[in-house]
């Protein structure tokens, strides 16, 4: 019996909770703005959202999607051994904890979301970087993530130069995450988050036809 579907159900449940946390943050912002525009609470504190927190939320969402895809690609080496289950729980548990820190639970307590961003950014970004490195290291140690047909993969790469470029650009995400965690400049933080988001979207677009050709 294939054990991967059972493990993947656990994985999907946990990662769905992390995604729900981030989407819930976006929902709270929209509701807060709707209340302010409607004048339901004229005494409510005006909250400035800005770009930093929403971009961080989008970055975490895309990283969760990328992580999900990595785990799916390693399905041939994942099973229901206790060590594997604990590993999945640790990684996804870490993602869930990080996701809960992206948006404030009570937006009204933070008149300027930028101040919240600078307080939580190091924990969120270092956490994402550590989880990505741990996941990649675990997959490599287990021997997963290899193309089932290397020749077909080589033909795809040769006929899709955009995929090669996107794959190379994706490698720069790791130093970009480290730089983002350390930077204290608003413009640099926005540029670094935009770079990571763009590389992940570009890779998703360039690899659209990959599965059908391998």
Protein backbone atom coordinates (compact mmCIF):
# COMPACT_ATOMS: atom_id res chain seq x y z
CA UNK A 1 0.00 0.00 0.00
CA UNK A 2 1.29 3.44 -0.92
CA UNK A 3 1.92 5.29 2.35
CA UNK A 4 2.44 8.73 0.82
CA UNK A 5 -1.30 9.68 0.54
CA UNK A 6 -1.74 9.19 4.28
CA UNK A 7 1.30 11.31 5.12
CA UNK A 8 0.31 13.91 2.53
CA UNK A 9 -3.16 14.25 4.08
CA UNK A 10 -1.52 15.23 7.36
CA UNK A 11 0.81 17.58 5.53
CA UNK A 12 -2.06 19.20 3.60
CA UNK A 13 -4.11 19.71 6.76
CA UNK A 14 -1.29 21.44 8.57
CA UNK A 15 -0.23 23.62 5.66
CA UNK A 16 -3.87 24.63 5.12
CA UNK A 17 -3.91 26.03 8.66
CA UNK A 18 -0.82 28.10 7.88
CA UNK A 19 -2.38 29.42 4.66
CA UNK A 20 -5.59 30.22 6.53
CA UNK A 21 -3.63 32.30 9.05
CA UNK A 22 -2.13 34.49 6.31
CA UNK A 23 -5.40 34.83 4.39
CA UNK A 24 -7.13 35.70 7.67
CA UNK A 25 -4.66 38.57 8.07
CA UNK A 26 -5.57 39.95 4.65
CA UNK A 27 -9.25 39.56 5.53
CA UNK A 28 -8.84 41.55 8.77
CA UNK A 29 -7.25 44.41 6.83
CA UNK A 30 -10.08 44.49 4.29
CA UNK A 31 -12.71 44.44 7.03
CA UNK A 32 -10.92 47.20 8.91
CA UNK A 33 -10.87 49.42 5.84
CA UNK A 34 -14.50 48.63 5.08
CA UNK A 35 -15.56 49.69 8.58
CA UNK A 36 -13.60 52.91 8.31
CA UNK A 37 -15.02 53.81 4.90
CA UNK A 38 -18.55 53.02 6.03
CA UNK A 39 -18.14 55.15 9.15
CA UNK A 40 -19.49 52.37 11.36
CA UNK A 41 -17.10 53.30 14.15
CA UNK A 42 -16.24 57.02 13.89
CA UNK A 43 -14.00 56.79 16.99
CA UNK A 44 -11.88 53.96 15.59
CA UNK A 45 -8.14 54.62 15.33
CA UNK A 46 -6.99 55.18 11.77
CA UNK A 47 -4.64 52.35 10.80
CA UNK A 48 -1.96 52.81 8.16
CA UNK A 49 -1.30 49.47 6.46
CA UNK A 50 1.36 50.39 3.91
CA UNK A 51 3.19 47.88 1.70
CA UNK A 52 5.54 46.02 4.01
CA UNK A 53 3.16 43.71 5.86
CA UNK A 54 1.00 42.81 2.80
CA UNK A 55 4.14 42.02 0.77
CA UNK A 56 5.43 39.84 3.58
CA UNK A 57 2.08 38.04 3.65
CA UNK A 58 2.21 37.43 -0.11
CA UNK A 59 5.80 36.21 0.18
CA UNK A 60 4.84 33.70 2.88
CA UNK A 61 1.87 32.46 0.82
CA UNK A 62 4.05 31.87 -2.24
CA UNK A 63 6.72 30.20 -0.14
CA UNK A 64 4.10 27.87 1.33
CA UNK A 65 2.99 26.97 -2.21
CA UNK A 66 6.60 26.34 -3.24
CA UNK A 67 7.16 24.18 -0.16
CA UNK A 68 4.02 22.18 -0.94
CA UNK A 69 5.34 21.58 -4.47
CA UNK A 70 8.73 20.46 -3.12
CA UNK A 71 7.07 17.94 -0.84
CA UNK A 72 4.97 16.62 -3.71
CA UNK A 73 8.07 16.22 -5.84
CA UNK A 74 9.66 14.14 -3.07
CA UNK A 75 6.67 11.81 -2.71
CA UNK A 76 8.69 8.77 -3.84
CA UNK A 77 10.89 8.93 -0.73
CA UNK A 78 8.29 9.86 1.89
CA UNK A 79 6.66 7.20 4.02
CA UNK A 80 4.95 6.75 7.40
CA UNK A 81 8.03 6.12 9.52
CA UNK A 82 7.79 7.97 12.84
CA UNK A 83 10.90 10.01 12.09
CA UNK A 84 9.29 11.15 8.83
CA UNK A 85 6.03 12.08 10.56
CA UNK A 86 7.89 14.03 13.23
CA UNK A 87 9.90 15.78 10.53
CA UNK A 88 6.75 16.83 8.67
CA UNK A 89 5.14 18.02 11.91
CA UNK A 90 8.24 20.04 12.78
CA UNK A 91 8.51 21.72 9.38
CA UNK A 92 4.82 22.50 8.95
CA UNK A 93 4.50 23.44 12.60
CA UNK A 94 7.29 25.94 12.03
CA UNK A 95 5.51 27.34 8.98
CA UNK A 96 2.31 27.67 10.99
CA UNK A 97 4.06 29.57 13.78
CA UNK A 98 5.71 31.88 11.26
CA UNK A 99 2.39 32.46 9.50
CA UNK A 100 0.72 33.57 12.74
CA UNK A 101 3.27 36.39 13.07
CA UNK A 102 2.82 37.96 9.63
CA UNK A 103 -0.30 40.02 10.51
CA UNK A 104 -1.28 41.43 13.91
CA UNK A 105 -4.22 39.67 15.55
CA UNK A 106 -5.73 43.02 16.53
CA UNK A 107 -4.97 45.56 13.77
CA UNK A 108 -6.54 48.40 15.79
CA UNK A 109 -3.65 48.16 18.27
CA UNK A 110 -1.12 48.97 15.53
CA UNK A 111 -1.83 52.42 14.01
CA UNK A 112 1.15 51.91 11.69
CA UNK A 113 1.71 48.40 10.34
CA UNK A 114 5.28 49.31 9.40
CA UNK A 115 6.26 49.31 13.07
CA UNK A 116 4.74 45.84 13.43
CA UNK A 117 6.66 44.68 10.35
CA UNK A 118 10.04 45.77 11.72
CA UNK A 119 9.32 44.04 15.00
CA UNK A 120 8.28 40.69 13.49
CA UNK A 121 10.33 40.64 10.27
CA UNK A 122 13.51 39.01 11.66
CA UNK A 123 11.59 36.13 13.23
CA UNK A 124 9.41 35.55 10.14
CA UNK A 125 12.18 35.81 7.54
CA UNK A 126 14.83 33.87 9.45
CA UNK A 127 12.18 31.27 10.18
CA UNK A 128 11.26 30.88 6.52
CA UNK A 129 14.91 30.66 5.51
CA UNK A 130 15.65 28.01 8.14
CA UNK A 131 12.60 25.96 7.14
CA UNK A 132 13.52 26.12 3.45
CA UNK A 133 17.08 25.04 4.13
CA UNK A 134 15.92 22.23 6.41
CA UNK A 135 13.40 20.99 3.84
CA UNK A 136 15.93 21.10 0.99
CA UNK A 137 18.54 19.34 3.12
CA UNK A 138 16.10 16.62 4.18
CA UNK A 139 14.95 15.98 0.61
CA UNK A 140 18.54 15.75 -0.63
CA UNK A 141 19.48 13.40 2.22
CA UNK A 142 16.56 11.14 1.36
CA UNK A 143 17.50 11.16 -2.32
CA UNK A 144 14.28 12.79 -3.49
CA UNK A 145 13.57 15.56 -5.95
CA UNK A 146 15.41 13.89 -8.84
CA UNK A 147 13.88 13.82 -12.31
CA UNK A 148 12.48 10.41 -13.21
CA UNK A 149 13.65 10.84 -16.79
CA UNK A 150 16.92 12.88 -16.86
CA UNK A 151 17.02 12.83 -20.68
CA UNK A 152 13.52 14.30 -20.94
CA UNK A 153 14.46 16.87 -18.33
CA UNK A 154 17.52 17.85 -20.35
CA UNK A 155 15.43 18.26 -23.51
CA UNK A 156 12.94 20.41 -21.63
CA UNK A 157 15.68 22.67 -20.27
CA UNK A 158 17.25 23.08 -23.71
CA UNK A 159 13.92 23.99 -25.32
CA UNK A 160 12.81 26.31 -22.48
CA UNK A 161 15.60 28.81 -21.68
CA UNK A 162 13.20 30.75 -19.46
CA UNK A 163 13.02 27.73 -17.15
CA UNK A 164 16.81 27.66 -16.83
CA UNK A 165 16.86 31.38 -16.04
CA UNK A 166 14.04 31.05 -13.51
CA UNK A 167 15.74 28.10 -11.81
CA UNK A 168 18.98 30.07 -11.52
CA UNK A 169 17.16 33.14 -10.21
CA UNK A 170 15.44 30.96 -7.62
CA UNK A 171 18.82 30.12 -6.08
CA UNK A 172 19.30 33.79 -5.18
CA UNK A 173 16.26 33.60 -2.90
CA UNK A 174 18.40 32.26 -0.06
CA UNK A 175 20.79 35.24 0.09
CA UNK A 176 17.81 37.53 -0.56
CA UNK A 177 16.05 36.13 2.53
CA UNK A 178 19.19 36.64 4.64
CA UNK A 179 19.58 40.21 3.38
CA UNK A 180 15.91 40.89 4.03
CA UNK A 181 16.20 39.63 7.60
CA UNK A 182 19.15 41.95 8.26
CA UNK A 183 18.15 45.10 6.38
CA UNK A 184 16.67 48.09 8.14
CA UNK A 185 15.82 50.08 5.02
CA UNK A 186 12.22 50.24 3.87
CA UNK A 187 13.00 50.49 0.17
CA UNK A 188 15.50 47.63 0.34
CA UNK A 189 12.98 45.47 2.19
CA UNK A 190 10.31 46.15 -0.44
CA UNK A 191 12.78 45.47 -3.28
CA UNK A 192 13.98 42.20 -1.73
CA UNK A 193 10.45 40.93 -1.09
CA UNK A 194 9.44 41.92 -4.62
CA UNK A 195 12.46 40.03 -5.99
CA UNK A 196 11.62 36.83 -4.11
CA UNK A 197 7.96 37.05 -5.12
CA UNK A 198 8.88 37.68 -8.77
CA UNK A 199 11.34 34.77 -8.93
CA UNK A 200 8.81 32.34 -7.49
CA UNK A 201 6.08 33.47 -9.88
CA UNK A 202 8.51 33.32 -12.82
CA UNK A 203 9.55 29.78 -11.88
CA UNK A 204 5.90 28.70 -11.59
CA UNK A 205 5.14 30.10 -15.05
CA UNK A 206 8.27 28.69 -16.69
CA UNK A 207 7.69 25.19 -15.27
CA UNK A 208 4.02 25.05 -16.31
CA UNK A 209 4.69 22.49 -19.07
CA UNK A 210 7.34 20.55 -17.16
CA UNK A 211 5.17 17.78 -15.71
CA UNK A 212 3.63 16.83 -19.03
CA UNK A 213 7.02 16.36 -20.68
CA UNK A 214 8.71 14.16 -18.07
